[in-house]
C-alpha atoms as a PDB file:
ATOM      1  CA  MET A   1      -3.837  -9.742  -7.823  1.00  0.00           C
ATOM      2  CA  THR A   2      -2.984  -7.248  -9.315  1.00  0.00           C
ATOM      3  CA  VAL A   3      -1.071  -6.641 -12.436  1.00  0.00           C
ATOM      4  CA  ILE A   4       1.653  -4.200 -11.035  1.00  0.00           C
ATOM      5  CA  PHE A   5       1.735  -4.637  -7.250  1.00  0.00           C
ATOM      6  CA  SER A   6       2.766  -7.285  -5.461  1.00  0.00           C
ATOM      7  CA  LYS A   7       0.430  -9.900  -2.973  1.00  0.00           C
ATOM      8  CA  GLN A   8       2.455  -8.085   0.057  1.00  0.00           C
ATOM      9  CA  CYS A   9       1.917  -5.164  -1.175  1.00  0.00           C
ATOM     10  CA  GLU A  10      -1.629  -5.648  -1.555  1.00  0.00           C
ATOM     11  CA  ILE A  11      -1.993  -6.959   1.678  1.00  0.00           C
ATOM     12  CA  ALA A  12      -0.010  -3.545   3.228  1.00  0.00           C
ATOM     13  CA  LEU A  13      -2.437  -1.169   0.915  1.00  0.00           C
ATOM     14  CA  GLN A  14      -5.004  -2.855   2.820  1.00  0.00           C
ATOM     15  CA  ALA A  15      -3.937  -2.973   6.403  1.00  0.00           C
ATOM     16  CA  VAL A  16      -3.381   0.940   6.456  1.00  0.00           C
ATOM     17  CA  LEU A  17      -6.481   2.013   4.792  1.00  0.00           C
ATOM     18  CA  PHE A  18      -8.023  -0.052   7.664  1.00  0.00           C
ATOM     19  CA  LEU A  19      -5.881   1.628  10.299  1.00  0.00           C
ATOM     20  CA  SER A  20      -6.677   4.902   8.910  1.00  0.00           C
ATOM     21  CA  ILE A  21     -10.861   4.617   9.399  1.00  0.00           C
ATOM     22  CA  LYS A  22      -9.587   3.569  12.808  1.00  0.00           C
ATOM     23  CA  LYS A  23      -8.978   6.157  16.188  1.00  0.00           C
ATOM     24  CA  ASP A  24      -5.834   7.628  16.613  1.00  0.00           C
ATOM     25  CA  LYS A  25      -2.641   5.435  18.421  1.00  0.00           C
ATOM     26  CA  ILE A  26      -5.273   2.932  18.899  1.00  0.00           C
ATOM     27  CA  ILE A  27      -3.479  -0.336  18.838  1.00  0.00           C
ATOM     28  CA  TYR A  28      -4.350  -3.230  16.595  1.00  0.00           C
ATOM     29  CA  LYS A  29      -3.263  -6.536  16.716  1.00  0.00           C
ATOM     30  CA  ALA A  30      -1.964  -8.300  13.397  1.00  0.00           C
ATOM     31  CA  THR A  31      -5.002 -11.172  14.272  1.00  0.00           C
ATOM     32  CA  ASP A  32      -7.586  -8.550  14.413  1.00  0.00           C
ATOM     33  CA  ILE A  33      -6.405  -6.873  11.537  1.00  0.00           C
ATOM     34  CA  SER A  34      -6.086 -10.227   9.520  1.00  0.00           C
ATOM     35  CA  LYS A  35      -9.724 -11.193  10.369  1.00  0.00           C
ATOM     36  CA  GLU A  36     -11.072  -8.015   9.519  1.00  0.00           C
ATOM     37  CA  LEU A  37      -9.315  -8.251   5.643  1.00  0.00           C
ATOM     38  CA  LYS A  38      -9.426 -12.157   5.336  1.00  0.00           C
ATOM     39  CA  VAL A  39      -5.933 -12.277   4.860  1.00  0.00           C
ATOM     40  CA  PRO A  40      -3.443 -14.833   6.769  1.00  0.00           C
ATOM     41  CA  LYS A  41      -2.141 -13.022   9.821  1.00  0.00           C
ATOM     42  CA  GLU A  42       1.576 -13.754   8.687  1.00  0.00           C
ATOM     43  CA  PHE A  43       1.323 -11.751   5.454  1.00  0.00           C
ATOM     44  CA  VAL A  44      -0.275  -8.772   7.642  1.00  0.00           C
ATOM     45  CA  SER A  45       2.658  -9.202  10.334  1.00  0.00           C
ATOM     46  CA  LYS A  46       5.698  -8.823   7.879  1.00  0.00           C
ATOM     47  CA  MET A  47       3.706  -6.079   5.871  1.00  0.00           C
ATOM     48  CA  LEU A  48       2.977  -3.706   9.096  1.00  0.00           C
ATOM     49  CA  GLN A  49       7.116  -4.610  10.120  1.00  0.00           C
ATOM     50  CA  LYS A  50       8.107  -3.214   6.716  1.00  0.00           C
ATOM     51  CA  LEU A  51       5.676  -0.412   7.266  1.00  0.00           C
ATOM     52  CA  THR A  52       7.339   0.000  10.365  1.00  0.00           C
ATOM     53  CA  TYR A  53      10.903   0.853   9.321  1.00  0.00           C
ATOM     54  CA  SER A  54       9.450   3.605   6.875  1.00  0.00           C
ATOM     55  CA  GLY A  55       7.628   5.631   9.241  1.00  0.00           C
ATOM     56  CA  ILE A  56       4.206   4.787   8.325  1.00  0.00           C
ATOM     57  CA  VAL A  57       3.360   2.276  11.003  1.00  0.00           C
ATOM     58  CA  GLY A  58       4.243   2.216  14.545  1.00  0.00           C
ATOM     59  CA  SER A  59       4.776  -0.825  16.496  1.00  0.00           C
ATOM     60  CA  LYS A  60       4.094  -1.581  20.591  1.00  0.00           C
ATOM     61  CA  LYS A  61       6.033  -4.713  21.296  1.00  0.00           C
ATOM     62  CA  GLY A  62       4.235  -7.274  24.553  1.00  0.00           C
ATOM     63  CA  LYS A  63       1.096  -8.393  25.795  1.00  0.00           C
ATOM     64  CA  LYS A  64      -1.116  -4.965  24.614  1.00  0.00           C
ATOM     65  CA  GLY A  65       1.296  -4.742  22.055  1.00  0.00           C
ATOM     66  CA  GLY A  66       0.199  -4.260  18.030  1.00  0.00           C
ATOM     67  CA  PHE A  67       0.275  -1.599  15.582  1.00  0.00           C
ATOM     68  CA  TYR A  68      -0.950   2.011  14.803  1.00  0.00           C
ATOM     69  CA  LEU A  69      -0.092   4.554  12.135  1.00  0.00           C
ATOM     70  CA  ALA A  70       2.501   6.368  13.038  1.00  0.00           C
ATOM     71  CA  LYS A  71       1.635   9.685  10.712  1.00  0.00           C
ATOM     72  CA  ARG A  72      -1.736  10.919  10.985  1.00  0.00           C
ATOM     73  CA  PRO A  73      -3.972   9.472   7.632  1.00  0.00           C
ATOM     74  CA  SER A  74      -4.132  13.114   6.203  1.00  0.00           C
ATOM     75  CA  GLN A  75       0.105  12.762   5.690  1.00  0.00           C
ATOM     76  CA  ILE A  76      -0.006   9.474   4.358  1.00  0.00           C
ATOM     77  CA  LYS A  77      -0.485   8.438   0.858  1.00  0.00           C
ATOM     78  CA  LEU A  78      -1.080   5.363  -1.654  1.00  0.00           C
ATOM     79  CA  ILE A  79       2.641   5.773  -3.135  1.00  0.00           C
ATOM     80  CA  ASP A  80       3.984   5.903   0.703  1.00  0.00           C
ATOM     81  CA  ILE A  81       2.831   2.583   0.941  1.00  0.00           C
ATOM     82  CA  VAL A  82       3.790   0.868  -2.351  1.00  0.00           C
ATOM     83  CA  LYS A  83       7.181   2.629  -2.653  1.00  0.00           C
ATOM     84  CA  ALA A  84       8.121   0.901   1.024  1.00  0.00           C
ATOM     85  CA  ILE A  85       6.777  -2.150  -0.129  1.00  0.00           C
ATOM     86  CA  ASP A  86       7.326  -2.818  -3.667  1.00  0.00           C
ATOM     87  CA  GLY A  87       9.575   0.450  -4.299  1.00  0.00           C
ATOM     88  CA  LEU A  88       9.312   2.619  -6.832  1.00  0.00           C
ATOM     89  CA  GLU A  89      10.882   0.709  -9.862  1.00  0.00           C
ATOM     90  CA  ILE A  90       7.689  -0.159 -11.471  1.00  0.00           C
ATOM     91  CA  PHE A  91       7.067   3.251 -12.648  1.00  0.00           C
ATOM     92  CA  ASN A  92      10.209   3.249 -14.383  1.00  0.00           C
ATOM     93  CA  LYS A  93      11.127   0.631 -16.227  1.00  0.00           C
ATOM     94  CA  CYS A  94       9.354  -1.397 -18.964  1.00  0.00           C
ATOM     95  CA  VAL A  95       6.485  -3.175 -17.582  1.00  0.00           C
ATOM     96  CA  LEU A  96       7.152  -6.398 -20.488  1.00  0.00           C
ATOM     97  CA  GLY A  97      10.705  -6.427 -18.647  1.00  0.00           C
ATOM     98  CA  PHE A  98      12.885  -6.107 -22.188  1.00  0.00           C
ATOM     99  CA  PRO A  99      16.400  -4.282 -20.608  1.00  0.00           C
ATOM    100  CA  GLY A 100      17.257  -0.928 -22.763  1.00  0.00           C
ATOM    101  CA  CYS A 101      13.133  -0.432 -23.355  1.00  0.00           C
ATOM    102  CA  SER A 102      13.091   3.393 -24.050  1.00  0.00           C
ATOM    103  CA  SER A 103      11.212   6.075 -26.435  1.00  0.00           C
ATOM    104  CA  GLU A 104      14.181   5.616 -28.715  1.00  0.00           C
ATOM    105  CA  GLU A 105      13.635   1.332 -28.364  1.00  0.00           C
ATOM    106  CA  PRO A 106      10.473   0.791 -27.143  1.00  0.00           C
ATOM    107  CA  CYS A 107       8.999  -2.503 -26.644  1.00  0.00           C
ATOM    108  CA  PRO A 108       5.387  -3.157 -27.821  1.00  0.00           C
ATOM    109  CA  VAL A 109       3.385  -1.782 -25.929  1.00  0.00           C
ATOM    110  CA  HIS A 110       5.997   1.056 -24.410  1.00  0.00           C
ATOM    111  CA  GLU A 111       3.446   3.978 -25.290  1.00  0.00           C
ATOM    112  CA  THR A 112       0.324   2.590 -23.941  1.00  0.00           C
ATOM    113  CA  TRP A 113       2.098   1.481 -21.001  1.00  0.00           C
ATOM    114  CA  GLY A 114       4.318   5.147 -19.866  1.00  0.00           C
ATOM    115  CA  LYS A 115       0.280   6.827 -20.477  1.00  0.00           C
ATOM    116  CA  ILE A 116      -0.878   4.005 -17.579  1.00  0.00           C
ATOM    117  CA  ARG A 117       2.085   4.311 -15.460  1.00  0.00           C
ATOM    118  CA  GLU A 118       1.782   7.908 -15.037  1.00  0.00           C
ATOM    119  CA  GLU A 119      -1.948   7.692 -14.543  1.00  0.00           C
ATOM    120  CA  THR A 120      -1.143   5.335 -11.899  1.00  0.00           C
ATOM    121  CA  TYR A 121       1.166   7.524 -10.301  1.00  0.00           C
ATOM    122  CA  GLU A 122      -0.843  10.338 -10.380  1.00  0.00           C
ATOM    123  CA  MET A 123      -3.914   8.484  -8.814  1.00  0.00           C
ATOM    124  CA  LEU A 124      -1.920   7.106  -6.518  1.00  0.00           C
ATOM    125  CA  SER A 125       0.010  10.310  -4.971  1.00  0.00           C
ATOM    126  CA  LYS A 126      -3.107  12.350  -5.723  1.00  0.00           C
ATOM    127  CA  GLU A 127      -5.413  11.930  -2.398  1.00  0.00           C
ATOM    128  CA  SER A 128      -4.744  11.153   1.383  1.00  0.00           C
ATOM    129  CA  LEU A 129      -5.750   8.284   3.410  1.00  0.00           C
ATOM    130  CA  GLU A 130      -8.286  10.898   5.276  1.00  0.00           C
ATOM    131  CA  GLN A 131      -9.958  11.749   1.743  1.00  0.00           C
ATOM    132  CA  LEU A 132     -10.227   8.488   0.892  1.00  0.00           C
ATOM    133  CA  LYS A 133     -11.757   7.393   4.449  1.00  0.00           C
ATOM    134  CA  GLU A 134     -15.351   7.288   2.928  1.00  0.00           C
ATOM    135  CA  LYS A 135     -14.763   4.911   0.224  1.00  0.00           C
ATOM    136  CA  THR A 136     -12.498   2.413   2.803  1.00  0.00           C
ATOM    137  CA  VAL A 137     -15.261   1.921   5.147  1.00  0.00           C
ATOM    138  CA  SER A 138     -17.728   1.429   2.282  1.00  0.00           C
ATOM    139  CA  LYS A 139     -15.630  -1.483   1.247  1.00  0.00           C
ATOM    140  CA  LEU A 140     -14.075  -2.946   3.977  1.00  0.00           C
ATOM    141  CA  LEU A 141     -17.727  -3.344   5.690  1.00  0.00           C
ATOM    142  CA  LYS A 142     -18.648  -5.341   2.343  1.00  0.00           C
ATOM    143  CA  ILE A 143     -15.799  -7.842   2.855  1.00  0.00           C
END
């Protein structure tokens, strides 16, 4: 598990990356996605439902139902997924959880975290899923 994202967010990121390398509007069952990612189906289903509300993922109900990307991979950045699942508060609050942490009253790691936080936000906002496609395919083949 990562330091800054919840397990749900990690699974959501992986599931959307999985969908991003597949053909447009092909519908995938949560069971199939969970098998590919080797994570529990219940987590995948729950995260994909949340992502449906944010407009990143689309869903179809019924026997032939499932999930698909609602937007083109070129229109989605990793930060969009983080925002939909965990929100962006981690980029605005003290990493140690101290209330009132600021430049005027910094916590012990305020300056270091500030740099990491900015770099992380920039990295998640920079490339679209389309730009990450080759690396995603390579990684998912190794799971």
